[in-house]
């Protein structure tokens, strides 16, 4: 058995897979996970979640299935705020050890 050399991955799986919008999609995914968790915790139907968040039911369905290409970061943040969450954005200079980019923690 021989060992194959593999390219070293980064911390962003989506970038490793070749997505052009990997940073944006990663941030959206983290926000969507939190949004879906809240919908589940509150046992909301998609129609109820749509009413509370101001989204349409089809948009809520997209979030539930993590189809996030047509949903903005801002829309996801607004939906979280409508579910009584505090969303904080921090802008600071990139450190030399870390490249400039977007990081989301939920």
PDB file of N, CA and C in Angstrom:
ATOM      1  N   UNK A   1       0.851  -1.167   0.000  1.00  0.00           N
ATOM      2  CA  UNK A   1       0.000   0.000   0.000  1.00  0.00           C
ATOM      3  C   UNK A   1       0.901   1.235   0.000  1.00  0.00           C
ATOM      4  N   UNK A   2       0.638   2.176  -0.891  1.00  0.00           N
ATOM      5  CA  UNK A   2       1.418   3.401  -0.931  1.00  0.00           C
ATOM      6  C   UNK A   2       0.586   4.561  -0.429  1.00  0.00           C
ATOM      7  N   UNK A   3       1.275   5.503   0.108  1.00  0.00           N
ATOM      8  CA  UNK A   3       0.607   6.684   0.647  1.00  0.00           C
ATOM      9  C   UNK A   3       0.603   7.773  -0.416  1.00  0.00           C
ATOM     10  N   UNK A   4      -0.574   8.343  -0.672  1.00  0.00           N
ATOM     11  CA  UNK A   4      -0.687   9.411  -1.661  1.00  0.00           C
ATOM     12  C   UNK A   4      -0.497  10.756  -0.976  1.00  0.00           C
ATOM     13  N   UNK A   5       0.171  11.654  -1.659  1.00  0.00           N
ATOM     14  CA  UNK A   5       0.309  13.009  -1.154  1.00  0.00           C
ATOM     15  C   UNK A   5      -0.970  13.771  -1.459  1.00  0.00           C
ATOM     16  N   UNK A   6      -1.463  14.483  -0.468  1.00  0.00           N
ATOM     17  CA  UNK A   6      -2.668  15.288  -0.630  1.00  0.00           C
ATOM     18  C   UNK A   6      -2.327  16.743  -0.362  1.00  0.00           C
ATOM     19  N   UNK A   7      -3.019  17.617  -1.069  1.00  0.00           N
ATOM     20  CA  UNK A   7      -2.831  19.045  -0.830  1.00  0.00           C
ATOM     21  C   UNK A   7      -3.289  19.375   0.588  1.00  0.00           C
ATOM     22  N   UNK A   8      -2.553  20.262   1.209  1.00  0.00           N
ATOM     23  CA  UNK A   8      -2.904  20.698   2.560  1.00  0.00           C
ATOM     24  C   UNK A   8      -4.166  21.545   2.499  1.00  0.00           C
ATOM     25  N   UNK A   9      -5.144  21.241   3.312  1.00  0.00           N
ATOM     26  CA  UNK A   9      -6.388  21.993   3.360  1.00  0.00           C
ATOM     27  C   UNK A   9      -6.241  23.248   4.199  1.00  0.00           C
ATOM     28  N   UNK A  10      -7.202  24.127   4.055  1.00  0.00           N
ATOM     29  CA  UNK A  10      -7.242  25.342   4.863  1.00  0.00           C
ATOM     30  C   UNK A  10      -8.301  25.159   5.948  1.00  0.00           C
ATOM     31  N   UNK A  11      -8.568  26.216   6.678  1.00  0.00           N
ATOM     32  CA  UNK A  11      -9.615  26.167   7.693  1.00  0.00           C
ATOM     33  C   UNK A  11     -10.998  26.311   7.076  1.00  0.00           C
ATOM     34  N   UNK A  12     -11.075  26.614   5.786  1.00  0.00           N
ATOM     35  CA  UNK A  12     -12.351  26.829   5.116  1.00  0.00           C
ATOM     36  C   UNK A  12     -12.585  25.719   4.092  1.00  0.00           C
ATOM     37  N   UNK A  13     -13.409  24.764   4.467  1.00  0.00           N
ATOM     38  CA  UNK A  13     -13.706  23.630   3.595  1.00  0.00           C
ATOM     39  C   UNK A  13     -14.296  24.076   2.269  1.00  0.00           C
ATOM     40  N   UNK A  14     -15.153  25.078   2.296  1.00  0.00           N
ATOM     41  CA  UNK A  14     -15.782  25.545   1.065  1.00  0.00           C
ATOM     42  C   UNK A  14     -14.753  26.121   0.093  1.00  0.00           C
ATOM     43  N   UNK A  15     -13.753  26.819   0.614  1.00  0.00           N
ATOM     44  CA  UNK A  15     -12.679  27.331  -0.236  1.00  0.00           C
ATOM     45  C   UNK A  15     -11.874  26.170  -0.806  1.00  0.00           C
ATOM     46  N   UNK A  16     -11.620  25.157   0.031  1.00  0.00           N
ATOM     47  CA  UNK A  16     -10.885  23.981  -0.428  1.00  0.00           C
ATOM     48  C   UNK A  16     -11.630  23.259  -1.552  1.00  0.00           C
ATOM     49  N   UNK A  17     -12.960  23.319  -1.513  1.00  0.00           N
ATOM     50  CA  UNK A  17     -13.774  22.676  -2.539  1.00  0.00           C
ATOM     51  C   UNK A  17     -13.925  23.523  -3.796  1.00  0.00           C
ATOM     52  N   UNK A  18     -13.390  24.744  -3.765  1.00  0.00           N
ATOM     53  CA  UNK A  18     -13.372  25.584  -4.956  1.00  0.00           C
ATOM     54  C   UNK A  18     -14.511  26.579  -5.086  1.00  0.00           C
ATOM     55  N   UNK A  19     -15.281  26.802  -4.036  1.00  0.00           N
ATOM     56  CA  UNK A  19     -16.348  27.793  -4.109  1.00  0.00           C
ATOM     57  C   UNK A  19     -15.736  29.188  -4.177  1.00  0.00           C
ATOM     58  N   UNK A  20     -16.144  29.980  -5.169  1.00  0.00           N
ATOM     59  CA  UNK A  20     -15.613  31.338  -5.321  1.00  0.00           C
ATOM     60  C   UNK A  20     -16.032  32.251  -4.179  1.00  0.00           C
ATOM     61  N   UNK A  21     -17.219  32.013  -3.624  1.00  0.00           N
ATOM     62  CA  UNK A  21     -17.760  32.844  -2.555  1.00  0.00           C
ATOM     63  C   UNK A  21     -17.692  32.123  -1.213  1.00  0.00           C
ATOM     64  N   UNK A  22     -16.606  31.419  -0.972  1.00  0.00           N
ATOM     65  CA  UNK A  22     -16.481  30.545   0.199  1.00  0.00           C
ATOM     66  C   UNK A  22     -16.627  31.295   1.519  1.00  0.00           C
ATOM     67  N   UNK A  23     -16.003  32.463   1.658  1.00  0.00           N
ATOM     68  CA  UNK A  23     -16.102  33.210   2.916  1.00  0.00           C
ATOM     69  C   UNK A  23     -17.541  33.624   3.184  1.00  0.00           C
ATOM     70  N   UNK A  24     -18.191  34.158   2.169  1.00  0.00           N
ATOM     71  CA  UNK A  24     -19.579  34.597   2.296  1.00  0.00           C
ATOM     72  C   UNK A  24     -20.490  33.417   2.622  1.00  0.00           C
ATOM     73  N   UNK A  25     -20.294  32.322   1.926  1.00  0.00           N
ATOM     74  CA  UNK A  25     -21.124  31.131   2.143  1.00  0.00           C
ATOM     75  C   UNK A  25     -20.882  30.522   3.524  1.00  0.00           C
ATOM     76  N   UNK A  26     -19.655  30.565   4.002  1.00  0.00           N
ATOM     77  CA  UNK A  26     -19.353  30.068   5.350  1.00  0.00           C
ATOM     78  C   UNK A  26     -20.064  30.902   6.411  1.00  0.00           C
ATOM     79  N   UNK A  27     -20.009  32.217   6.248  1.00  0.00           N
ATOM     80  CA  UNK A  27     -20.681  33.105   7.198  1.00  0.00           C
ATOM     81  C   UNK A  27     -22.188  32.868   7.166  1.00  0.00           C
ATOM     82  N   UNK A  28     -22.756  32.749   5.974  1.00  0.00           N
ATOM     83  CA  UNK A  28     -24.190  32.489   5.840  1.00  0.00           C
ATOM     84  C   UNK A  28     -24.575  31.164   6.496  1.00  0.00           C
ATOM     85  N   UNK A  29     -23.743  30.158   6.311  1.00  0.00           N
ATOM     86  CA  UNK A  29     -24.042  28.840   6.876  1.00  0.00           C
ATOM     87  C   UNK A  29     -24.089  28.887   8.396  1.00  0.00           C
ATOM     88  N   UNK A  30     -23.133  29.573   9.002  1.00  0.00           N
ATOM     89  CA  UNK A  30     -23.110  29.675  10.462  1.00  0.00           C
ATOM     90  C   UNK A  30     -24.364  30.384  10.960  1.00  0.00           C
ATOM     91  N   UNK A  31     -24.766  31.463  10.282  1.00  0.00           N
ATOM     92  CA  UNK A  31     -25.975  32.173  10.676  1.00  0.00           C
ATOM     93  C   UNK A  31     -27.218  31.313  10.449  1.00  0.00           C
ATOM     94  N   UNK A  32     -27.246  30.563   9.353  1.00  0.00           N
ATOM     95  CA  UNK A  32     -28.393  29.697   9.060  1.00  0.00           C
ATOM     96  C   UNK A  32     -28.512  28.572  10.081  1.00  0.00           C
ATOM     97  N   UNK A  33     -27.389  28.031  10.535  1.00  0.00           N
ATOM     98  CA  UNK A  33     -27.421  26.991  11.575  1.00  0.00           C
ATOM     99  C   UNK A  33     -28.077  27.553  12.834  1.00  0.00           C
ATOM    100  N   UNK A  34     -27.670  28.754  13.230  1.00  0.00           N
ATOM    101  CA  UNK A  34     -28.247  29.379  14.417  1.00  0.00           C
ATOM    102  C   UNK A  34     -29.731  29.648  14.222  1.00  0.00           C
ATOM    103  N   UNK A  35     -30.096  30.159  13.053  1.00  0.00           N
ATOM    104  CA  UNK A  35     -31.494  30.438  12.757  1.00  0.00           C
ATOM    105  C   UNK A  35     -32.327  29.155  12.789  1.00  0.00           C
ATOM    106  N   UNK A  36     -31.822  28.103  12.172  1.00  0.00           N
ATOM    107  CA  UNK A  36     -32.536  26.827  12.180  1.00  0.00           C
ATOM    108  C   UNK A  36     -32.650  26.254  13.591  1.00  0.00           C
ATOM    109  N   UNK A  37     -31.623  26.404  14.390  1.00  0.00           N
ATOM    110  CA  UNK A  37     -31.683  25.949  15.791  1.00  0.00           C
ATOM    111  C   UNK A  37     -32.800  26.673  16.549  1.00  0.00           C
ATOM    112  N   UNK A  38     -32.903  27.981  16.343  1.00  0.00           N
ATOM    113  CA  UNK A  38     -33.939  28.753  17.021  1.00  0.00           C
ATOM    114  C   UNK A  38     -35.340  28.346  16.559  1.00  0.00           C
ATOM    115  N   UNK A  39     -35.492  28.117  15.263  1.00  0.00           N
ATOM    116  CA  UNK A  39     -36.782  27.671  14.725  1.00  0.00           C
ATOM    117  C   UNK A  39     -37.159  26.329  15.340  1.00  0.00           C
ATOM    118  N   UNK A  40     -36.179  25.428  15.439  1.00  0.00           N
ATOM    119  CA  UNK A  40     -36.428  24.116  16.047  1.00  0.00           C
ATOM    120  C   UNK A  40     -36.758  24.237  17.532  1.00  0.00           C
ATOM    121  N   UNK A  41     -35.981  25.040  18.262  1.00  0.00           N
ATOM    122  CA  UNK A  41     -36.201  25.206  19.703  1.00  0.00           C
ATOM    123  C   UNK A  41     -37.595  25.744  20.001  1.00  0.00           C
ATOM    124  N   UNK A  42     -38.071  26.613  19.130  1.00  0.00           N
ATOM    125  CA  UNK A  42     -39.391  27.223  19.343  1.00  0.00           C
ATOM    126  C   UNK A  42     -40.515  26.442  18.662  1.00  0.00           C
ATOM    127  N   UNK A  43     -40.149  25.331  18.014  1.00  0.00           N
ATOM    128  CA  UNK A  43     -41.115  24.484  17.299  1.00  0.00           C
ATOM    129  C   UNK A  43     -41.977  25.294  16.332  1.00  0.00           C
ATOM    130  N   UNK A  44     -41.333  26.179  15.581  1.00  0.00           N
ATOM    131  CA  UNK A  44     -42.046  27.019  14.628  1.00  0.00           C
ATOM    132  C   UNK A  44     -42.204  26.301  13.296  1.00  0.00           C
ATOM    133  N   UNK A  45     -43.364  26.460  12.702  1.00  0.00           N
ATOM    134  CA  UNK A  45     -43.536  25.986  11.324  1.00  0.00           C
ATOM    135  C   UNK A  45     -42.832  26.986  10.413  1.00  0.00           C
ATOM    136  N   UNK A  46     -42.663  26.627   9.158  1.00  0.00           N
ATOM    137  CA  UNK A  46     -42.039  27.555   8.226  1.00  0.00           C
ATOM    138  C   UNK A  46     -42.899  28.805   8.048  1.00  0.00           C
ATOM    139  N   UNK A  47     -44.202  28.648   8.072  1.00  0.00           N
ATOM    140  CA  UNK A  47     -45.098  29.789   7.930  1.00  0.00           C
ATOM    141  C   UNK A  47     -44.982  30.707   9.149  1.00  0.00           C
ATOM    142  N   UNK A  48     -44.919  30.125  10.349  1.00  0.00           N
ATOM    143  CA  UNK A  48     -44.756  30.927  11.563  1.00  0.00           C
ATOM    144  C   UNK A  48     -43.408  31.643  11.562  1.00  0.00           C
ATOM    145  N   UNK A  49     -42.355  30.930  11.183  1.00  0.00           N
ATOM    146  CA  UNK A  49     -41.021  31.536  11.119  1.00  0.00           C
ATOM    147  C   UNK A  49     -40.998  32.667  10.095  1.00  0.00           C
ATOM    148  N   UNK A  50     -41.659  32.472   8.973  1.00  0.00           N
ATOM    149  CA  UNK A  50     -41.730  33.510   7.943  1.00  0.00           C
ATOM    150  C   UNK A  50     -42.428  34.755   8.480  1.00  0.00           C
ATOM    151  N   UNK A  51     -43.522  34.554   9.182  1.00  0.00           N
ATOM    152  CA  UNK A  51     -44.270  35.686   9.744  1.00  0.00           C
ATOM    153  C   UNK A  51     -43.416  36.470  10.747  1.00  0.00           C
ATOM    154  N   UNK A  52     -42.725  35.764  11.619  1.00  0.00           N
ATOM    155  CA  UNK A  52     -41.908  36.421  12.646  1.00  0.00           C
ATOM    156  C   UNK A  52     -40.709  37.137  12.033  1.00  0.00           C
ATOM    157  N   UNK A  53     -40.051  36.499  11.074  1.00  0.00           N
ATOM    158  CA  UNK A  53     -38.806  37.045  10.511  1.00  0.00           C
ATOM    159  C   UNK A  53     -39.024  38.019   9.366  1.00  0.00           C
ATOM    160  N   UNK A  54     -40.247  38.057   8.834  1.00  0.00           N
ATOM    161  CA  UNK A  54     -40.507  38.922   7.688  1.00  0.00           C
ATOM    162  C   UNK A  54     -40.029  38.337   6.376  1.00  0.00           C
ATOM    163  N   UNK A  55     -39.621  37.086   6.410  1.00  0.00           N
ATOM    164  CA  UNK A  55     -39.215  36.389   5.192  1.00  0.00           C
ATOM    165  C   UNK A  55     -40.448  35.721   4.593  1.00  0.00           C
ATOM    166  N   UNK A  56     -40.342  35.307   3.348  1.00  0.00           N
ATOM    167  CA  UNK A  56     -41.405  34.504   2.767  1.00  0.00           C
ATOM    168  C   UNK A  56     -41.210  33.057   3.188  1.00  0.00           C
ATOM    169  N   UNK A  57     -42.274  32.274   3.125  1.00  0.00           N
ATOM    170  CA  UNK A  57     -42.148  30.846   3.473  1.00  0.00           C
ATOM    171  C   UNK A  57     -41.140  30.146   2.565  1.00  0.00           C
ATOM    172  N   UNK A  58     -41.124  30.430   1.245  1.00  0.00           N
ATOM    173  CA  UNK A  58     -40.097  29.793   0.409  1.00  0.00           C
ATOM    174  C   UNK A  58     -38.663  30.149   0.821  1.00  0.00           C
ATOM    175  N   UNK A  59     -38.439  31.389   1.290  1.00  0.00           N
ATOM    176  CA  UNK A  59     -37.094  31.767   1.769  1.00  0.00           C
ATOM    177  C   UNK A  59     -36.744  30.998   3.035  1.00  0.00           C
ATOM    178  N   UNK A  60     -37.719  30.855   3.948  1.00  0.00           N
ATOM    179  CA  UNK A  60     -37.472  30.066   5.152  1.00  0.00           C
ATOM    180  C   UNK A  60     -37.141  28.632   4.759  1.00  0.00           C
ATOM    181  N   UNK A  61     -37.844  28.105   3.785  1.00  0.00           N
ATOM    182  CA  UNK A  61     -37.570  26.751   3.303  1.00  0.00           C
ATOM    183  C   UNK A  61     -36.145  26.635   2.776  1.00  0.00           C
ATOM    184  N   UNK A  62     -35.696  27.656   2.056  1.00  0.00           N
ATOM    185  CA  UNK A  62     -34.314  27.652   1.549  1.00  0.00           C
ATOM    186  C   UNK A  62     -33.315  27.630   2.700  1.00  0.00           C
ATOM    187  N   UNK A  63     -33.572  28.441   3.718  1.00  0.00           N
ATOM    188  CA  UNK A  63     -32.672  28.462   4.884  1.00  0.00           C
ATOM    189  C   UNK A  63     -32.686  27.100   5.562  1.00  0.00           C
ATOM    190  N   UNK A  64     -33.854  26.511   5.717  1.00  0.00           N
ATOM    191  CA  UNK A  64     -33.971  25.204   6.379  1.00  0.00           C
ATOM    192  C   UNK A  64     -33.163  24.142   5.632  1.00  0.00           C
ATOM    193  N   UNK A  65     -33.049  24.277   4.315  1.00  0.00           N
ATOM    194  CA  UNK A  65     -32.305  23.312   3.497  1.00  0.00           C
ATOM    195  C   UNK A  65     -30.883  23.784   3.170  1.00  0.00           C
ATOM    196  N   UNK A  66     -30.483  24.916   3.761  1.00  0.00           N
ATOM    197  CA  UNK A  66     -29.145  25.498   3.562  1.00  0.00           C
ATOM    198  C   UNK A  66     -28.870  25.816   2.094  1.00  0.00           C
ATOM    199  N   UNK A  67     -29.881  26.245   1.389  1.00  0.00           N
ATOM    200  CA  UNK A  67     -29.749  26.757   0.022  1.00  0.00           C
ATOM    201  C   UNK A  67     -29.622  28.270   0.140  1.00  0.00           C
ATOM    202  N   UNK A  68     -28.406  28.756   0.328  1.00  0.00           N
ATOM    203  CA  UNK A  68     -28.183  30.127   0.792  1.00  0.00           C
ATOM    204  C   UNK A  68     -27.670  31.092  -0.277  1.00  0.00           C
ATOM    205  N   UNK A  69     -27.565  30.644  -1.518  1.00  0.00           N
ATOM    206  CA  UNK A  69     -26.998  31.500  -2.560  1.00  0.00           C
ATOM    207  C   UNK A  69     -27.831  32.753  -2.810  1.00  0.00           C
ATOM    208  N   UNK A  70     -29.148  32.681  -2.645  1.00  0.00           N
ATOM    209  CA  UNK A  70     -30.022  33.819  -2.939  1.00  0.00           C
ATOM    210  C   UNK A  70     -30.509  34.539  -1.679  1.00  0.00           C
ATOM    211  N   UNK A  71     -29.797  34.366  -0.585  1.00  0.00           N
ATOM    212  CA  UNK A  71     -30.147  35.016   0.671  1.00  0.00           C
ATOM    213  C   UNK A  71     -28.926  35.786   1.160  1.00  0.00           C
ATOM    214  N   UNK A  72     -29.131  37.056   1.493  1.00  0.00           N
ATOM    215  CA  UNK A  72     -27.997  37.888   1.900  1.00  0.00           C
ATOM    216  C   UNK A  72     -27.640  37.666   3.371  1.00  0.00           C
ATOM    217  N   UNK A  73     -26.409  37.991   3.688  1.00  0.00           N
ATOM    218  CA  UNK A  73     -25.973  37.975   5.087  1.00  0.00           C
ATOM    219  C   UNK A  73     -26.848  38.906   5.917  1.00  0.00           C
ATOM    220  N   UNK A  74     -27.146  40.061   5.360  1.00  0.00           N
ATOM    221  CA  UNK A  74     -27.970  41.032   6.074  1.00  0.00           C
ATOM    222  C   UNK A  74     -29.354  40.447   6.385  1.00  0.00           C
ATOM    223  N   UNK A  75     -29.951  39.742   5.439  1.00  0.00           N
ATOM    224  CA  UNK A  75     -31.278  39.153   5.649  1.00  0.00           C
ATOM    225  C   UNK A  75     -31.244  38.113   6.756  1.00  0.00           C
ATOM    226  N   UNK A  76     -30.190  37.309   6.782  1.00  0.00           N
ATOM    227  CA  UNK A  76     -30.047  36.304   7.840  1.00  0.00           C
ATOM    228  C   UNK A  76     -29.866  36.970   9.203  1.00  0.00           C
ATOM    229  N   UNK A  77     -29.083  38.039   9.243  1.00  0.00           N
ATOM    230  CA  UNK A  77     -28.887  38.756  10.507  1.00  0.00           C
ATOM    231  C   UNK A  77     -30.193  39.382  10.977  1.00  0.00           C
ATOM    232  N   UNK A  78     -30.958  39.967  10.063  1.00  0.00           N
ATOM    233  CA  UNK A  78     -32.247  40.565  10.427  1.00  0.00           C
ATOM    234  C   UNK A  78     -33.208  39.505  10.953  1.00  0.00           C
ATOM    235  N   UNK A  79     -33.189  38.326  10.355  1.00  0.00           N
ATOM    236  CA  UNK A  79     -34.054  37.240  10.820  1.00  0.00           C
ATOM    237  C   UNK A  79     -33.677  36.831  12.236  1.00  0.00           C
ATOM    238  N   UNK A  80     -32.383  36.767  12.537  1.00  0.00           N
ATOM    239  CA  UNK A  80     -31.947  36.434  13.893  1.00  0.00           C
ATOM    240  C   UNK A  80     -32.379  37.497  14.892  1.00  0.00           C
ATOM    241  N   UNK A  81     -32.274  38.756  14.509  1.00  0.00           N
ATOM    242  CA  UNK A  81     -32.707  39.845  15.393  1.00  0.00           C
ATOM    243  C   UNK A  81     -34.205  39.727  15.659  1.00  0.00           C
ATOM    244  N   UNK A  82     -34.982  39.374  14.645  1.00  0.00           N
ATOM    245  CA  UNK A  82     -36.430  39.247  14.839  1.00  0.00           C
ATOM    246  C   UNK A  82     -36.777  38.092  15.778  1.00  0.00           C
ATOM    247  N   UNK A  83     -35.836  37.175  15.977  1.00  0.00           N
ATOM    248  CA  UNK A  83     -36.011  36.068  16.926  1.00  0.00           C
ATOM    249  C   UNK A  83     -35.280  36.365  18.241  1.00  0.00           C
ATOM    250  N   UNK A  84     -35.174  37.657  18.558  1.00  0.00           N
ATOM    251  CA  UNK A  84     -34.626  38.139  19.837  1.00  0.00           C
ATOM    252  C   UNK A  84     -33.156  37.795  20.048  1.00  0.00           C
ATOM    253  N   UNK A  85     -32.378  37.836  18.982  1.00  0.00           N
ATOM    254  CA  UNK A  85     -30.946  37.600  19.089  1.00  0.00           C
ATOM    255  C   UNK A  85     -30.207  38.916  18.894  1.00  0.00           C
ATOM    256  N   UNK A  86     -29.039  39.023  19.484  1.00  0.00           N
ATOM    257  CA  UNK A  86     -28.166  40.184  19.317  1.00  0.00           C
ATOM    258  C   UNK A  86     -27.077  39.781  18.333  1.00  0.00           C
ATOM    259  N   UNK A  87     -26.986  40.485  17.224  1.00  0.00           N
ATOM    260  CA  UNK A  87     -25.965  40.211  16.211  1.00  0.00           C
ATOM    261  C   UNK A  87     -24.951  41.328  16.292  1.00  0.00           C
ATOM    262  N   UNK A  88     -23.690  40.962  16.429  1.00  0.00           N
ATOM    263  CA  UNK A  88     -22.621  41.937  16.602  1.00  0.00           C
ATOM    264  C   UNK A  88     -21.606  41.775  15.481  1.00  0.00           C
ATOM    265  N   UNK A  89     -21.239  42.881  14.865  1.00  0.00           N
ATOM    266  CA  UNK A  89     -20.221  42.884  13.815  1.00  0.00           C
ATOM    267  C   UNK A  89     -19.032  43.669  14.355  1.00  0.00           C
ATOM    268  N   UNK A  90     -17.860  43.073  14.305  1.00  0.00           N
ATOM    269  CA  UNK A  90     -16.645  43.723  14.796  1.00  0.00           C
ATOM    270  C   UNK A  90     -15.664  43.858  13.638  1.00  0.00           C
ATOM    271  N   UNK A  91     -15.176  45.055  13.418  1.00  0.00           N
ATOM    272  CA  UNK A  91     -14.193  45.303  12.369  1.00  0.00           C
ATOM    273  C   UNK A  91     -12.895  45.699  13.056  1.00  0.00           C
ATOM    274  N   UNK A  92     -11.803  45.003  12.733  1.00  0.00           N
ATOM    275  CA  UNK A  92     -10.502  45.314  13.308  1.00  0.00           C
ATOM    276  C   UNK A  92      -9.428  44.971  12.278  1.00  0.00           C
ATOM    277  N   UNK A  93      -8.255  45.557  12.438  1.00  0.00           N
ATOM    278  CA  UNK A  93      -7.175  45.259  11.489  1.00  0.00           C
ATOM    279  C   UNK A  93      -6.816  43.773  11.529  1.00  0.00           C
ATOM    280  N   UNK A  94      -6.489  43.225  10.353  1.00  0.00           N
ATOM    281  CA  UNK A  94      -6.058  41.833  10.284  1.00  0.00           C
ATOM    282  C   UNK A  94      -4.666  41.723  10.900  1.00  0.00           C
ATOM    283  N   UNK A  95      -4.477  40.689  11.705  1.00  0.00           N
ATOM    284  CA  UNK A  95      -3.155  40.448  12.273  1.00  0.00           C
ATOM    285  C   UNK A  95      -2.307  39.729  11.232  1.00  0.00           C
ATOM    286  N   UNK A  96      -1.015  39.839  11.370  1.00  0.00           N
ATOM    287  CA  UNK A  96      -0.123  39.197  10.399  1.00  0.00           C
ATOM    288  C   UNK A  96      -0.310  37.690  10.353  1.00  0.00           C
ATOM    289  N   UNK A  97      -0.602  37.091  11.497  1.00  0.00           N
ATOM    290  CA  UNK A  97      -0.769  35.635  11.546  1.00  0.00           C
ATOM    291  C   UNK A  97      -2.057  35.191  10.864  1.00  0.00           C
ATOM    292  N   UNK A  98      -3.015  36.109  10.737  1.00  0.00           N
ATOM    293  CA  UNK A  98      -4.294  35.770  10.120  1.00  0.00           C
ATOM    294  C   UNK A  98      -4.524  36.688   8.931  1.00  0.00           C
ATOM    295  N   UNK A  99      -4.907  36.110   7.844  1.00  0.00           N
ATOM    296  CA  UNK A  99      -5.199  36.906   6.649  1.00  0.00           C
ATOM    297  C   UNK A  99      -6.486  37.690   6.860  1.00  0.00           C
ATOM    298  N   UNK A 100      -6.641  38.736   6.090  1.00  0.00           N
ATOM    299  CA  UNK A 100      -7.894  39.498   6.132  1.00  0.00           C
ATOM    300  C   UNK A 100      -9.019  38.589   5.699  1.00  0.00           C
ATOM    301  N   UNK A 101     -10.209  38.793   6.236  1.00  0.00           N
ATOM    302  CA  UNK A 101     -11.338  37.956   5.855  1.00  0.00           C
ATOM    303  C   UNK A 101     -12.524  38.172   6.767  1.00  0.00           C
ATOM    304  N   UNK A 102     -13.471  37.266   6.661  1.00  0.00           N
ATOM    305  CA  UNK A 102     -14.718  37.332   7.434  1.00  0.00           C
ATOM    306  C   UNK A 102     -14.769  36.146   8.355  1.00  0.00           C
ATOM    307  N   UNK A 103     -15.107  36.405   9.619  1.00  0.00           N
ATOM    308  CA  UNK A 103     -15.284  35.344  10.597  1.00  0.00           C
ATOM    309  C   UNK A 103     -16.630  35.559  11.294  1.00  0.00           C
ATOM    310  N   UNK A 104     -17.397  34.501  11.415  1.00  0.00           N
ATOM    311  CA  UNK A 104     -18.677  34.574  12.118  1.00  0.00           C
ATOM    312  C   UNK A 104     -18.669  33.539  13.217  1.00  0.00           C
ATOM    313  N   UNK A 105     -19.081  33.947  14.413  1.00  0.00           N
ATOM    314  CA  UNK A 105     -19.219  33.022  15.544  1.00  0.00           C
ATOM    315  C   UNK A 105     -20.645  33.109  16.039  1.00  0.00           C
ATOM    316  N   UNK A 106     -21.259  31.979  16.232  1.00  0.00           N
ATOM    317  CA  UNK A 106     -22.652  31.975  16.712  1.00  0.00           C
ATOM    318  C   UNK A 106     -22.759  31.104  17.935  1.00  0.00           C
TER     319      UNK A 106
END
